[in-house]
Amino acid sequence: MKAPRSSVHKRGAHQRIRGKCKRKRSPVHKRRAHQRTRGKYKRTGNFCLDTTNKTVKDACVDMLKSGTRQLRYRLKKKYFDGVPANEVTTTSPVSSMTDEQWGKLVKMWSSPKHKEICLLNQHSREKVQFNHRRGSRCYIAQLHALRDKYKDEDPTPLELFKEFHSSQKTGFISEPVQKAIDHMEAMMDNPVEEGQEPPSTESAVREVVRSNTFLRVVGISPKKRSRVSRSCQFQDLTWELYLEKVRSDELRETIEQQNLQLADLRKISVEATEARRTTTAQLEALRKEATQKAEMIQSFRMVLGVEGQVHPSPLVSE
C-alpha cells in the first residue's frame, strides 16, 4: 500500500512555512554577515508572511513551543537535575530569561505535581518498544524528507520502518527493532500452503508494530485492540487513578494541617480575650478599693478636724 501523498505534501508545506518564517524573522549574526551574498547562503527577495492566516499562526506557535520546550529541557538538565535544592541558582543563568521567569521555572520543577507528571511520562516512555532515531523530527516530516531518496517508487512500510528506527549518522539499529524486522521478514518468507497467498508487507508490519501513529503515517489501518492492549490501557488508568489518589491524600493532609493551625489560632484568640477580661476586672476592683480607701481617709480627716481632701491614686483613677 502506498503512503498517503496528500498528508505528506500538506505536512511538507507546513514544514516549509516554518522554515521560511524562521529565516525571514531571525536576525543574521555579525560573524555570518558575509553569507548574505555568498553561495547557497545568499538571501534573495522577501517572504510575505500573512500573520492573519490560521495555518501561519499555527506554524509559528508550533515552532515557538518546540524551541521553548527544548530550552527548558536543556536548562533543567544543566542547572537543576542532580543539583541540591540549596545550591540551585536563584538568578537566571541565561541572558534571554529574567530572574523572575527563572524563579517560576524552578518553582514549577520543584512542585510535587510536576514531579508526578515526570514520573508518569517516564512510566509511559518505558513502555515504548521501538524508539525512532530521527531526533525531534516527526514521522510525517521524515517521510517528506525521504522523497528525494525514493523518487521512482514509493517505499514499502518495512523500508519506512527501517528508515525511521535506524541511526541517522551510523545506521545503527537497536536490538528490539532488529528483532521486529527479522520477525516481519520471517512472516513474509514463511512458506504457505497451496492456494493461499503469502502475507503482505502491510499485514506483517501491522502484526508486529503496535504504534498507531506509525501505521497511519505509512497508510496502514491500525489493528483492532486485543485483550493485551486493553489490559495495558487498564494498567494505565489504574496508575492514573493511583496518582490521583495520592494527590487527593496530600491535599487532604494539607487541609487537615491548616484546620489544626486555625484551631490553635482560635484557641490563642479565646485565651487572649479571657486574659483581657480578667485584667479589666482586676483593674476595676482596684479602682473601687482605692475609691473606698480615699473616702474613708477623708471621713477620718473630717472627724479629726483636718482640712484638705484626699484624692485616689492617679494610677487607679479613671
C-alpha atoms as a PDB file:
ATOM      1  CA  MET A   1       0.000   0.000   0.000  1.00  0.00           C
ATOM      2  CA  LYS A   2       1.331   3.397  -0.923  1.00  0.00           C
ATOM      3  CA  ALA A   3       1.865   6.098   1.615  1.00  0.00           C
ATOM      4  CA  PRO A   4      -0.781   8.897   1.564  1.00  0.00           C
ATOM      5  CA  ARG A   5       0.751  11.648  -0.529  1.00  0.00           C
ATOM      6  CA  SER A   6      -1.817  14.285   0.379  1.00  0.00           C
ATOM      7  CA  SER A   7      -0.920  14.244   4.068  1.00  0.00           C
ATOM      8  CA  VAL A   8       2.785  14.188   3.214  1.00  0.00           C
ATOM      9  CA  HIS A   9       2.504  17.196   0.903  1.00  0.00           C
ATOM     10  CA  LYS A  10       0.413  19.100   3.420  1.00  0.00           C
ATOM     11  CA  ARG A  11       2.903  18.418   6.185  1.00  0.00           C
ATOM     12  CA  GLY A  12       5.755  19.328   3.837  1.00  0.00           C
ATOM     13  CA  ALA A  13       4.150  22.674   3.102  1.00  0.00           C
ATOM     14  CA  HIS A  14       3.701  23.200   6.820  1.00  0.00           C
ATOM     15  CA  GLN A  15       7.398  22.486   7.379  1.00  0.00           C
ATOM     16  CA  ARG A  16       8.410  24.869   4.574  1.00  0.00           C
ATOM     17  CA  ILE A  17       6.297  27.632   6.126  1.00  0.00           C
ATOM     18  CA  ARG A  18       8.053  27.090   9.447  1.00  0.00           C
ATOM     19  CA  GLY A  19      11.462  27.234   7.794  1.00  0.00           C
ATOM     20  CA  LYS A  20      10.661  30.388   5.855  1.00  0.00           C
ATOM     21  CA  CYS A  21       9.168  32.065   8.911  1.00  0.00           C
ATOM     22  CA  LYS A  22      12.317  31.337  10.845  1.00  0.00           C
ATOM     23  CA  ARG A  23      14.672  32.554   8.097  1.00  0.00           C
ATOM     24  CA  LYS A  24      12.628  35.689   7.473  1.00  0.00           C
ATOM     25  CA  ARG A  25      12.214  36.677  11.125  1.00  0.00           C
ATOM     26  CA  SER A  26      15.536  35.620  12.653  1.00  0.00           C
ATOM     27  CA  PRO A  27      18.486  38.058  12.503  1.00  0.00           C
ATOM     28  CA  VAL A  28      21.824  37.269  10.873  1.00  0.00           C
ATOM     29  CA  HIS A  29      24.744  37.386  13.299  1.00  0.00           C
ATOM     30  CA  LYS A  30      27.691  39.627  12.541  1.00  0.00           C
ATOM     31  CA  ARG A  31      30.091  36.737  12.157  1.00  0.00           C
ATOM     32  CA  ARG A  32      27.826  35.333   9.421  1.00  0.00           C
ATOM     33  CA  ALA A  33      27.121  38.583   7.676  1.00  0.00           C
ATOM     34  CA  HIS A  34      29.353  37.586   4.758  1.00  0.00           C
ATOM     35  CA  GLN A  35      26.960  34.725   3.998  1.00  0.00           C
ATOM     36  CA  ARG A  36      24.288  37.152   2.831  1.00  0.00           C
ATOM     37  CA  THR A  37      25.814  37.300  -0.636  1.00  0.00           C
ATOM     38  CA  ARG A  38      27.799  34.060  -0.880  1.00  0.00           C
ATOM     39  CA  GLY A  39      26.844  30.774  -2.486  1.00  0.00           C
ATOM     40  CA  LYS A  40      23.884  28.850  -1.175  1.00  0.00           C
ATOM     41  CA  TYR A  41      23.545  31.164   1.860  1.00  0.00           C
ATOM     42  CA  LYS A  42      22.639  34.140  -0.284  1.00  0.00           C
ATOM     43  CA  ARG A  43      19.450  35.821   0.894  1.00  0.00           C
ATOM     44  CA  THR A  44      17.323  36.903  -2.036  1.00  0.00           C
ATOM     45  CA  GLY A  45      13.904  38.514  -2.000  1.00  0.00           C
ATOM     46  CA  ASN A  46      11.393  38.870   0.800  1.00  0.00           C
ATOM     47  CA  PHE A  47       8.863  36.402   2.079  1.00  0.00           C
ATOM     48  CA  CYS A  48       5.409  37.877   2.706  1.00  0.00           C
ATOM     49  CA  LEU A  49       4.012  36.451   5.912  1.00  0.00           C
ATOM     50  CA  ASP A  50       0.266  36.667   6.378  1.00  0.00           C
ATOM     51  CA  THR A  51       0.003  36.993  10.141  1.00  0.00           C
ATOM     52  CA  THR A  52      -3.801  36.704   9.983  1.00  0.00           C
ATOM     53  CA  ASN A  53      -3.761  33.253   8.371  1.00  0.00           C
ATOM     54  CA  LYS A  54      -4.589  30.424  10.784  1.00  0.00           C
ATOM     55  CA  THR A  55      -2.119  27.987   9.195  1.00  0.00           C
ATOM     56  CA  VAL A  56       0.703  30.522   9.507  1.00  0.00           C
ATOM     57  CA  LYS A  57      -0.229  31.234  13.119  1.00  0.00           C
ATOM     58  CA  ASP A  58      -0.298  27.533  13.968  1.00  0.00           C
ATOM     59  CA  ALA A  59       3.100  27.021  12.309  1.00  0.00           C
ATOM     60  CA  CYS A  60       4.654  29.931  14.225  1.00  0.00           C
ATOM     61  CA  VAL A  61       3.133  28.840  17.534  1.00  0.00           C
ATOM     62  CA  ASP A  62       4.301  25.270  16.945  1.00  0.00           C
ATOM     63  CA  MET A  63       7.822  26.472  16.171  1.00  0.00           C
ATOM     64  CA  LEU A  64       7.964  28.700  19.265  1.00  0.00           C
ATOM     65  CA  LYS A  65       6.567  25.957  21.503  1.00  0.00           C
ATOM     66  CA  SER A  66       9.150  23.489  20.250  1.00  0.00           C
ATOM     67  CA  GLY A  67      12.031  25.929  20.812  1.00  0.00           C
ATOM     68  CA  THR A  68      10.801  26.913  24.273  1.00  0.00           C
ATOM     69  CA  ARG A  69      10.347  23.276  25.287  1.00  0.00           C
ATOM     70  CA  GLN A  70      13.864  22.385  24.162  1.00  0.00           C
ATOM     71  CA  LEU A  71      15.303  25.398  26.033  1.00  0.00           C
ATOM     72  CA  ARG A  72      13.539  24.388  29.252  1.00  0.00           C
ATOM     73  CA  TYR A  73      14.792  20.820  28.858  1.00  0.00           C
ATOM     74  CA  ARG A  74      18.416  21.926  28.439  1.00  0.00           C
ATOM     75  CA  LEU A  75      18.232  24.352  31.380  1.00  0.00           C
ATOM     76  CA  LYS A  76      16.669  21.737  33.669  1.00  0.00           C
ATOM     77  CA  LYS A  77      19.262  19.143  32.694  1.00  0.00           C
ATOM     78  CA  LYS A  78      22.209  21.520  33.250  1.00  0.00           C
ATOM     79  CA  TYR A  79      21.193  23.682  36.219  1.00  0.00           C
ATOM     80  CA  PHE A  80      18.526  21.704  38.140  1.00  0.00           C
ATOM     81  CA  ASP A  81      18.772  17.925  37.736  1.00  0.00           C
ATOM     82  CA  GLY A  82      21.214  16.421  40.218  1.00  0.00           C
ATOM     83  CA  VAL A  83      21.787  19.764  41.979  1.00  0.00           C
ATOM     84  CA  PRO A  84      20.930  20.006  45.727  1.00  0.00           C
ATOM     85  CA  ALA A  85      17.967  22.261  46.476  1.00  0.00           C
ATOM     86  CA  ASN A  86      20.085  24.705  48.493  1.00  0.00           C
ATOM     87  CA  GLU A  87      22.611  25.018  45.661  1.00  0.00           C
ATOM     88  CA  VAL A  88      20.192  25.785  42.811  1.00  0.00           C
ATOM     89  CA  THR A  89      20.948  29.246  41.464  1.00  0.00           C
ATOM     90  CA  THR A  90      18.363  31.923  42.250  1.00  0.00           C
ATOM     91  CA  THR A  91      19.341  34.123  39.304  1.00  0.00           C
ATOM     92  CA  SER A  92      18.784  33.375  35.648  1.00  0.00           C
ATOM     93  CA  PRO A  93      21.753  31.519  34.113  1.00  0.00           C
ATOM     94  CA  VAL A  94      20.957  32.815  30.608  1.00  0.00           C
ATOM     95  CA  SER A  95      20.533  36.351  29.329  1.00  0.00           C
ATOM     96  CA  SER A  96      17.321  35.538  27.435  1.00  0.00           C
ATOM     97  CA  MET A  97      15.411  34.905  30.674  1.00  0.00           C
ATOM     98  CA  THR A  98      14.704  37.198  33.617  1.00  0.00           C
ATOM     99  CA  ASP A  99      15.260  36.216  37.241  1.00  0.00           C
ATOM    100  CA  GLU A 100      11.501  36.184  37.807  1.00  0.00           C
ATOM    101  CA  GLN A 101      10.936  33.763  34.916  1.00  0.00           C
ATOM    102  CA  TRP A 102      13.755  31.539  36.170  1.00  0.00           C
ATOM    103  CA  GLY A 103      12.240  31.538  39.663  1.00  0.00           C
ATOM    104  CA  LYS A 104       8.886  30.416  38.250  1.00  0.00           C
ATOM    105  CA  LEU A 105      10.602  27.601  36.356  1.00  0.00           C
ATOM    106  CA  VAL A 106      12.439  26.405  39.480  1.00  0.00           C
ATOM    107  CA  LYS A 107       9.202  26.568  41.476  1.00  0.00           C
ATOM    108  CA  MET A 108       7.399  24.510  38.815  1.00  0.00           C
ATOM    109  CA  TRP A 109      10.198  21.904  38.669  1.00  0.00           C
ATOM    110  CA  SER A 110      10.183  21.606  42.478  1.00  0.00           C
ATOM    111  CA  SER A 111       6.417  21.177  42.818  1.00  0.00           C
ATOM    112  CA  PRO A 112       5.107  17.661  43.657  1.00  0.00           C
ATOM    113  CA  LYS A 113       2.626  17.874  40.786  1.00  0.00           C
ATOM    114  CA  HIS A 114       5.399  18.387  38.212  1.00  0.00           C
ATOM    115  CA  LYS A 115       7.406  15.510  39.693  1.00  0.00           C
ATOM    116  CA  GLU A 116       4.376  13.234  39.438  1.00  0.00           C
ATOM    117  CA  ILE A 117       3.889  14.231  35.797  1.00  0.00           C
ATOM    118  CA  CYS A 118       7.558  13.494  35.074  1.00  0.00           C
ATOM    119  CA  LEU A 119       7.191  10.114  36.755  1.00  0.00           C
ATOM    120  CA  LEU A 120       4.091   9.343  34.697  1.00  0.00           C
ATOM    121  CA  ASN A 121       5.851  10.366  31.470  1.00  0.00           C
ATOM    122  CA  GLN A 122       8.829   8.204  32.375  1.00  0.00           C
ATOM    123  CA  HIS A 123       6.475   5.302  33.036  1.00  0.00           C
ATOM    124  CA  SER A 124       4.908   5.815  29.597  1.00  0.00           C
ATOM    125  CA  ARG A 125       8.275   6.060  27.823  1.00  0.00           C
ATOM    126  CA  GLU A 126       9.414   2.785  29.344  1.00  0.00           C
ATOM    127  CA  LYS A 127       6.578   1.009  27.538  1.00  0.00           C
ATOM    128  CA  VAL A 128       7.702   2.226  24.093  1.00  0.00           C
ATOM    129  CA  GLN A 129       9.091  -0.777  22.223  1.00  0.00           C
ATOM    130  CA  PHE A 130      10.584   0.884  19.142  1.00  0.00           C
ATOM    131  CA  ASN A 131      12.095   4.335  19.673  1.00  0.00           C
ATOM    132  CA  HIS A 132      12.509   6.309  16.451  1.00  0.00           C
ATOM    133  CA  ARG A 133      16.020   7.583  15.766  1.00  0.00           C
ATOM    134  CA  ARG A 134      15.292  10.819  13.918  1.00  0.00           C
ATOM    135  CA  GLY A 135      15.649  13.302  16.751  1.00  0.00           C
ATOM    136  CA  SER A 136      12.839  15.813  17.102  1.00  0.00           C
ATOM    137  CA  ARG A 137      11.596  15.212  13.554  1.00  0.00           C
ATOM    138  CA  CYS A 138       8.214  13.512  13.489  1.00  0.00           C
ATOM    139  CA  TYR A 139       7.219  10.616  11.238  1.00  0.00           C
ATOM    140  CA  ILE A 140       5.459  12.774   8.638  1.00  0.00           C
ATOM    141  CA  ALA A 141       8.330  15.259   8.403  1.00  0.00           C
ATOM    142  CA  GLN A 142      10.820  12.399   7.952  1.00  0.00           C
ATOM    143  CA  LEU A 143       8.589  10.833   5.304  1.00  0.00           C
ATOM    144  CA  HIS A 144       8.591  14.128   3.435  1.00  0.00           C
ATOM    145  CA  ALA A 145      12.395  14.337   3.752  1.00  0.00           C
ATOM    146  CA  LEU A 146      12.762  10.903   2.110  1.00  0.00           C
ATOM    147  CA  ARG A 147      11.016  11.949  -1.110  1.00  0.00           C
ATOM    148  CA  ASP A 148      14.364  12.532  -2.867  1.00  0.00           C
ATOM    149  CA  LYS A 149      15.684   9.097  -1.915  1.00  0.00           C
ATOM    150  CA  TYR A 150      12.654   7.251  -3.266  1.00  0.00           C
ATOM    151  CA  LYS A 151      11.931   9.152  -6.469  1.00  0.00           C
ATOM    152  CA  ASP A 152      10.929   6.313  -8.781  1.00  0.00           C
ATOM    153  CA  GLU A 153       8.693   4.302  -6.459  1.00  0.00           C
ATOM    154  CA  ASP A 154       7.132   4.617  -3.060  1.00  0.00           C
ATOM    155  CA  PRO A 155       8.907   2.876  -0.153  1.00  0.00           C
ATOM    156  CA  THR A 156       7.274  -0.120   1.455  1.00  0.00           C
ATOM    157  CA  PRO A 157       6.124   0.057   5.083  1.00  0.00           C
ATOM    158  CA  LEU A 158       9.017  -2.222   6.073  1.00  0.00           C
ATOM    159  CA  GLU A 159      11.550   0.101   4.406  1.00  0.00           C
ATOM    160  CA  LEU A 160       9.984   3.076   6.157  1.00  0.00           C
ATOM    161  CA  PHE A 161      10.170   1.218   9.466  1.00  0.00           C
ATOM    162  CA  LYS A 162      13.907   0.699   8.930  1.00  0.00           C
ATOM    163  CA  GLU A 163      14.378   4.356   7.915  1.00  0.00           C
ATOM    164  CA  PHE A 164      12.536   5.719  10.944  1.00  0.00           C
ATOM    165  CA  HIS A 165      14.189   3.460  13.520  1.00  0.00           C
ATOM    166  CA  SER A 166      17.828   3.456  12.382  1.00  0.00           C
ATOM    167  CA  SER A 167      20.515   5.935  13.389  1.00  0.00           C
ATOM    168  CA  GLN A 168      20.798   8.883  11.021  1.00  0.00           C
ATOM    169  CA  LYS A 169      24.603   9.012  11.339  1.00  0.00           C
ATOM    170  CA  THR A 170      25.754   5.409  11.697  1.00  0.00           C
ATOM    171  CA  GLY A 171      22.747   3.404  10.537  1.00  0.00           C
ATOM    172  CA  PHE A 172      22.721   1.537  13.862  1.00  0.00           C
ATOM    173  CA  ILE A 173      19.561  -0.439  14.667  1.00  0.00           C
ATOM    174  CA  SER A 174      18.735  -1.369  18.244  1.00  0.00           C
ATOM    175  CA  GLU A 175      18.162  -4.977  19.253  1.00  0.00           C
ATOM    176  CA  PRO A 176      14.341  -4.739  19.704  1.00  0.00           C
ATOM    177  CA  VAL A 177      13.987  -3.059  16.296  1.00  0.00           C
ATOM    178  CA  GLN A 178      16.205  -5.672  14.627  1.00  0.00           C
ATOM    179  CA  LYS A 179      14.136  -8.461  16.175  1.00  0.00           C
ATOM    180  CA  ALA A 180      10.960  -6.836  14.868  1.00  0.00           C
ATOM    181  CA  ILE A 181      12.466  -6.538  11.367  1.00  0.00           C
ATOM    182  CA  ASP A 182      13.568 -10.179  11.435  1.00  0.00           C
ATOM    183  CA  HIS A 183      10.108 -11.212  12.605  1.00  0.00           C
ATOM    184  CA  MET A 184       8.391  -9.308   9.792  1.00  0.00           C
ATOM    185  CA  GLU A 185      10.755 -10.697   7.162  1.00  0.00           C
ATOM    186  CA  ALA A 186      10.261 -14.230   8.503  1.00  0.00           C
ATOM    187  CA  MET A 187       6.489 -13.803   8.297  1.00  0.00           C
ATOM    188  CA  MET A 188       6.733 -12.744   4.643  1.00  0.00           C
ATOM    189  CA  ASP A 189       9.212 -15.540   3.759  1.00  0.00           C
ATOM    190  CA  ASN A 190       7.289 -18.213   5.614  1.00  0.00           C
ATOM    191  CA  PRO A 191       6.038 -20.860   3.134  1.00  0.00           C
ATOM    192  CA  VAL A 192       2.281 -21.103   2.757  1.00  0.00           C
ATOM    193  CA  GLU A 193       0.006 -23.867   1.646  1.00  0.00           C
ATOM    194  CA  GLU A 194      -1.063 -24.227  -1.946  1.00  0.00           C
ATOM    195  CA  GLY A 195      -3.859 -21.884  -2.892  1.00  0.00           C
ATOM    196  CA  GLN A 196      -3.082 -19.345  -0.173  1.00  0.00           C
ATOM    197  CA  GLU A 197      -1.352 -16.017  -0.628  1.00  0.00           C
ATOM    198  CA  PRO A 198       1.765 -15.143   1.393  1.00  0.00           C
ATOM    199  CA  PRO A 199       1.398 -12.392   3.988  1.00  0.00           C
ATOM    200  CA  SER A 200       1.830  -8.916   2.541  1.00  0.00           C
ATOM    201  CA  THR A 201       4.242  -6.325   3.887  1.00  0.00           C
ATOM    202  CA  GLU A 202       1.335  -4.324   5.284  1.00  0.00           C
ATOM    203  CA  SER A 203      -0.098  -7.273   7.217  1.00  0.00           C
ATOM    204  CA  ALA A 204       3.332  -8.220   8.602  1.00  0.00           C
ATOM    205  CA  VAL A 205       4.002  -4.661   9.773  1.00  0.00           C
ATOM    206  CA  ARG A 206       0.507  -4.387  11.258  1.00  0.00           C
ATOM    207  CA  GLU A 207       1.030  -7.646  13.153  1.00  0.00           C
ATOM    208  CA  VAL A 208       4.364  -6.625  14.726  1.00  0.00           C
ATOM    209  CA  VAL A 209       4.162  -2.839  15.125  1.00  0.00           C
ATOM    210  CA  ARG A 210       1.702  -1.568  17.736  1.00  0.00           C
ATOM    211  CA  SER A 211       2.192   2.155  17.139  1.00  0.00           C
ATOM    212  CA  ASN A 212      -0.989   3.546  15.605  1.00  0.00           C
ATOM    213  CA  THR A 213       0.831   6.762  14.684  1.00  0.00           C
ATOM    214  CA  PHE A 214       3.403   4.936  12.545  1.00  0.00           C
ATOM    215  CA  LEU A 215       0.747   2.756  10.911  1.00  0.00           C
ATOM    216  CA  ARG A 216      -1.367   5.753   9.944  1.00  0.00           C
ATOM    217  CA  VAL A 217       1.661   7.582   8.502  1.00  0.00           C
ATOM    218  CA  VAL A 218       2.612   4.679   6.221  1.00  0.00           C
ATOM    219  CA  GLY A 219      -1.006   4.226   5.147  1.00  0.00           C
ATOM    220  CA  ILE A 220      -1.966   1.125   7.160  1.00  0.00           C
ATOM    221  CA  SER A 221      -5.132   0.954   9.198  1.00  0.00           C
ATOM    222  CA  PRO A 222      -4.302   0.090  12.833  1.00  0.00           C
ATOM    223  CA  LYS A 223      -5.087  -3.364  14.123  1.00  0.00           C
ATOM    224  CA  LYS A 224      -8.088  -3.738  16.392  1.00  0.00           C
ATOM    225  CA  ARG A 225      -7.278  -3.671  20.047  1.00  0.00           C
ATOM    226  CA  SER A 226      -6.701  -7.041  21.644  1.00  0.00           C
ATOM    227  CA  ARG A 227      -7.076  -8.079  25.239  1.00  0.00           C
ATOM    228  CA  VAL A 228      -3.409  -7.287  25.814  1.00  0.00           C
ATOM    229  CA  SER A 229      -3.812  -3.687  24.685  1.00  0.00           C
ATOM    230  CA  ARG A 230      -6.940  -3.359  26.775  1.00  0.00           C
ATOM    231  CA  SER A 231      -5.033  -4.747  29.732  1.00  0.00           C
ATOM    232  CA  CYS A 232      -2.269  -2.166  29.153  1.00  0.00           C
ATOM    233  CA  GLN A 233      -4.893   0.559  28.939  1.00  0.00           C
ATOM    234  CA  PHE A 234      -6.426  -0.702  32.183  1.00  0.00           C
ATOM    235  CA  GLN A 235      -2.990  -0.581  33.835  1.00  0.00           C
ATOM    236  CA  ASP A 236      -2.506   2.989  32.619  1.00  0.00           C
ATOM    237  CA  LEU A 237      -5.883   4.023  34.002  1.00  0.00           C
ATOM    238  CA  THR A 238      -5.102   2.261  37.274  1.00  0.00           C
ATOM    239  CA  TRP A 239      -1.810   4.131  37.521  1.00  0.00           C
ATOM    240  CA  GLU A 240      -3.519   7.460  36.815  1.00  0.00           C
ATOM    241  CA  LEU A 241      -6.135   6.705  39.470  1.00  0.00           C
ATOM    242  CA  TYR A 242      -3.356   5.872  41.926  1.00  0.00           C
ATOM    243  CA  LEU A 243      -1.627   9.185  41.240  1.00  0.00           C
ATOM    244  CA  GLU A 244      -4.948  10.992  41.614  1.00  0.00           C
ATOM    245  CA  LYS A 245      -5.497   9.243  44.953  1.00  0.00           C
ATOM    246  CA  VAL A 246      -2.005  10.285  46.088  1.00  0.00           C
ATOM    247  CA  ARG A 247      -2.732  13.892  45.145  1.00  0.00           C
ATOM    248  CA  SER A 248      -6.085  13.735  46.972  1.00  0.00           C
ATOM    249  CA  ASP A 249      -4.443  12.334  50.109  1.00  0.00           C
ATOM    250  CA  GLU A 250      -1.795  15.059  50.060  1.00  0.00           C
ATOM    251  CA  LEU A 251      -4.475  17.720  49.616  1.00  0.00           C
ATOM    252  CA  ARG A 252      -6.498  16.218  52.478  1.00  0.00           C
ATOM    253  CA  GLU A 253      -3.444  16.243  54.756  1.00  0.00           C
ATOM    254  CA  THR A 254      -2.754  19.861  53.837  1.00  0.00           C
ATOM    255  CA  ILE A 255      -6.346  20.834  54.649  1.00  0.00           C
ATOM    256  CA  GLU A 256      -6.199  18.982  57.977  1.00  0.00           C
ATOM    257  CA  GLN A 257      -2.964  20.751  58.915  1.00  0.00           C
ATOM    258  CA  GLN A 258      -4.500  24.100  58.033  1.00  0.00           C
ATOM    259  CA  ASN A 259      -7.580  23.279  60.131  1.00  0.00           C
ATOM    260  CA  LEU A 260      -5.360  22.378  63.097  1.00  0.00           C
ATOM    261  CA  GLN A 261      -3.441  25.622  62.727  1.00  0.00           C
ATOM    262  CA  LEU A 262      -6.724  27.532  62.515  1.00  0.00           C
ATOM    263  CA  ALA A 263      -7.990  25.797  65.683  1.00  0.00           C
ATOM    264  CA  ASP A 264      -4.781  26.722  67.512  1.00  0.00           C
ATOM    265  CA  LEU A 265      -5.163  30.333  66.426  1.00  0.00           C
ATOM    266  CA  ARG A 266      -8.774  30.372  67.638  1.00  0.00           C
ATOM    267  CA  LYS A 267      -7.704  28.908  70.995  1.00  0.00           C
ATOM    268  CA  ILE A 268      -4.988  31.535  71.368  1.00  0.00           C
ATOM    269  CA  SER A 269      -7.504  34.261  70.492  1.00  0.00           C
ATOM    270  CA  VAL A 270     -10.008  32.989  73.105  1.00  0.00           C
ATOM    271  CA  GLU A 271      -7.291  32.801  75.770  1.00  0.00           C
ATOM    272  CA  ALA A 272      -6.171  36.345  74.951  1.00  0.00           C
ATOM    273  CA  THR A 273      -9.771  37.582  75.215  1.00  0.00           C
ATOM    274  CA  GLU A 274     -10.247  35.879  78.595  1.00  0.00           C
ATOM    275  CA  ALA A 275      -6.957  37.304  79.877  1.00  0.00           C
ATOM    276  CA  ARG A 276      -8.005  40.779  78.762  1.00  0.00           C
ATOM    277  CA  ARG A 277     -11.346  40.423  80.559  1.00  0.00           C
ATOM    278  CA  THR A 278      -9.613  39.213  83.744  1.00  0.00           C
ATOM    279  CA  THR A 279      -7.177  42.134  83.646  1.00  0.00           C
ATOM    280  CA  THR A 280     -10.042  44.591  83.130  1.00  0.00           C
ATOM    281  CA  ALA A 281     -11.962  43.131  86.097  1.00  0.00           C
ATOM    282  CA  GLN A 282      -8.881  43.327  88.338  1.00  0.00           C
ATOM    283  CA  LEU A 283      -8.300  46.963  87.385  1.00  0.00           C
ATOM    284  CA  GLU A 284     -11.943  47.776  88.116  1.00  0.00           C
ATOM    285  CA  ALA A 285     -11.682  46.131  91.548  1.00  0.00           C
ATOM    286  CA  LEU A 286      -8.526  48.129  92.319  1.00  0.00           C
ATOM    287  CA  ARG A 287     -10.289  51.357  91.319  1.00  0.00           C
ATOM    288  CA  LYS A 288     -13.222  50.616  93.646  1.00  0.00           C
ATOM    289  CA  GLU A 289     -10.912  49.709  96.531  1.00  0.00           C
ATOM    290  CA  ALA A 290      -8.864  52.891  96.063  1.00  0.00           C
ATOM    291  CA  THR A 291     -12.023  54.988  95.974  1.00  0.00           C
ATOM    292  CA  GLN A 292     -13.330  53.422  99.202  1.00  0.00           C
ATOM    293  CA  LYS A 293      -9.995  53.990 100.966  1.00  0.00           C
ATOM    294  CA  ALA A 294      -9.954  57.634  99.856  1.00  0.00           C
ATOM    295  CA  GLU A 295     -13.493  58.169 101.172  1.00  0.00           C
ATOM    296  CA  MET A 296     -12.563  56.516 104.500  1.00  0.00           C
ATOM    297  CA  ILE A 297      -9.465  58.702 104.949  1.00  0.00           C
ATOM    298  CA  GLN A 298     -11.500  61.797 104.104  1.00  0.00           C
ATOM    299  CA  SER A 299     -14.106  60.938 106.751  1.00  0.00           C
ATOM    300  CA  PHE A 300     -11.341  60.463 109.351  1.00  0.00           C
ATOM    301  CA  ARG A 301      -9.947  63.878 108.491  1.00  0.00           C
ATOM    302  CA  MET A 302     -13.324  65.498 108.918  1.00  0.00           C
ATOM    303  CA  VAL A 303     -13.760  63.852 112.301  1.00  0.00           C
ATOM    304  CA  LEU A 304     -10.304  64.977 113.437  1.00  0.00           C
ATOM    305  CA  GLY A 305     -10.794  68.453 112.001  1.00  0.00           C
ATOM    306  CA  VAL A 306      -8.001  68.210 109.457  1.00  0.00           C
ATOM    307  CA  GLU A 307      -8.525  70.286 106.427  1.00  0.00           C
ATOM    308  CA  GLY A 308      -7.880  69.017 102.952  1.00  0.00           C
ATOM    309  CA  GLN A 309      -9.267  66.388 100.701  1.00  0.00           C
ATOM    310  CA  VAL A 310      -7.752  63.032  99.862  1.00  0.00           C
ATOM    311  CA  HIS A 311      -7.831  62.016  96.222  1.00  0.00           C
ATOM    312  CA  PRO A 312      -7.439  58.461  94.988  1.00  0.00           C
ATOM    313  CA  SER A 313      -4.165  57.466  93.403  1.00  0.00           C
ATOM    314  CA  PRO A 314      -3.880  58.536  89.776  1.00  0.00           C
ATOM    315  CA  LEU A 315      -2.638  55.033  88.908  1.00  0.00           C
ATOM    316  CA  VAL A 316      -6.039  53.541  89.702  1.00  0.00           C
ATOM    317  CA  SER A 317      -8.272  56.529  88.907  1.00  0.00           C
ATOM    318  CA  GLU A 318     -10.264  56.583  85.759  1.00  0.00           C
END
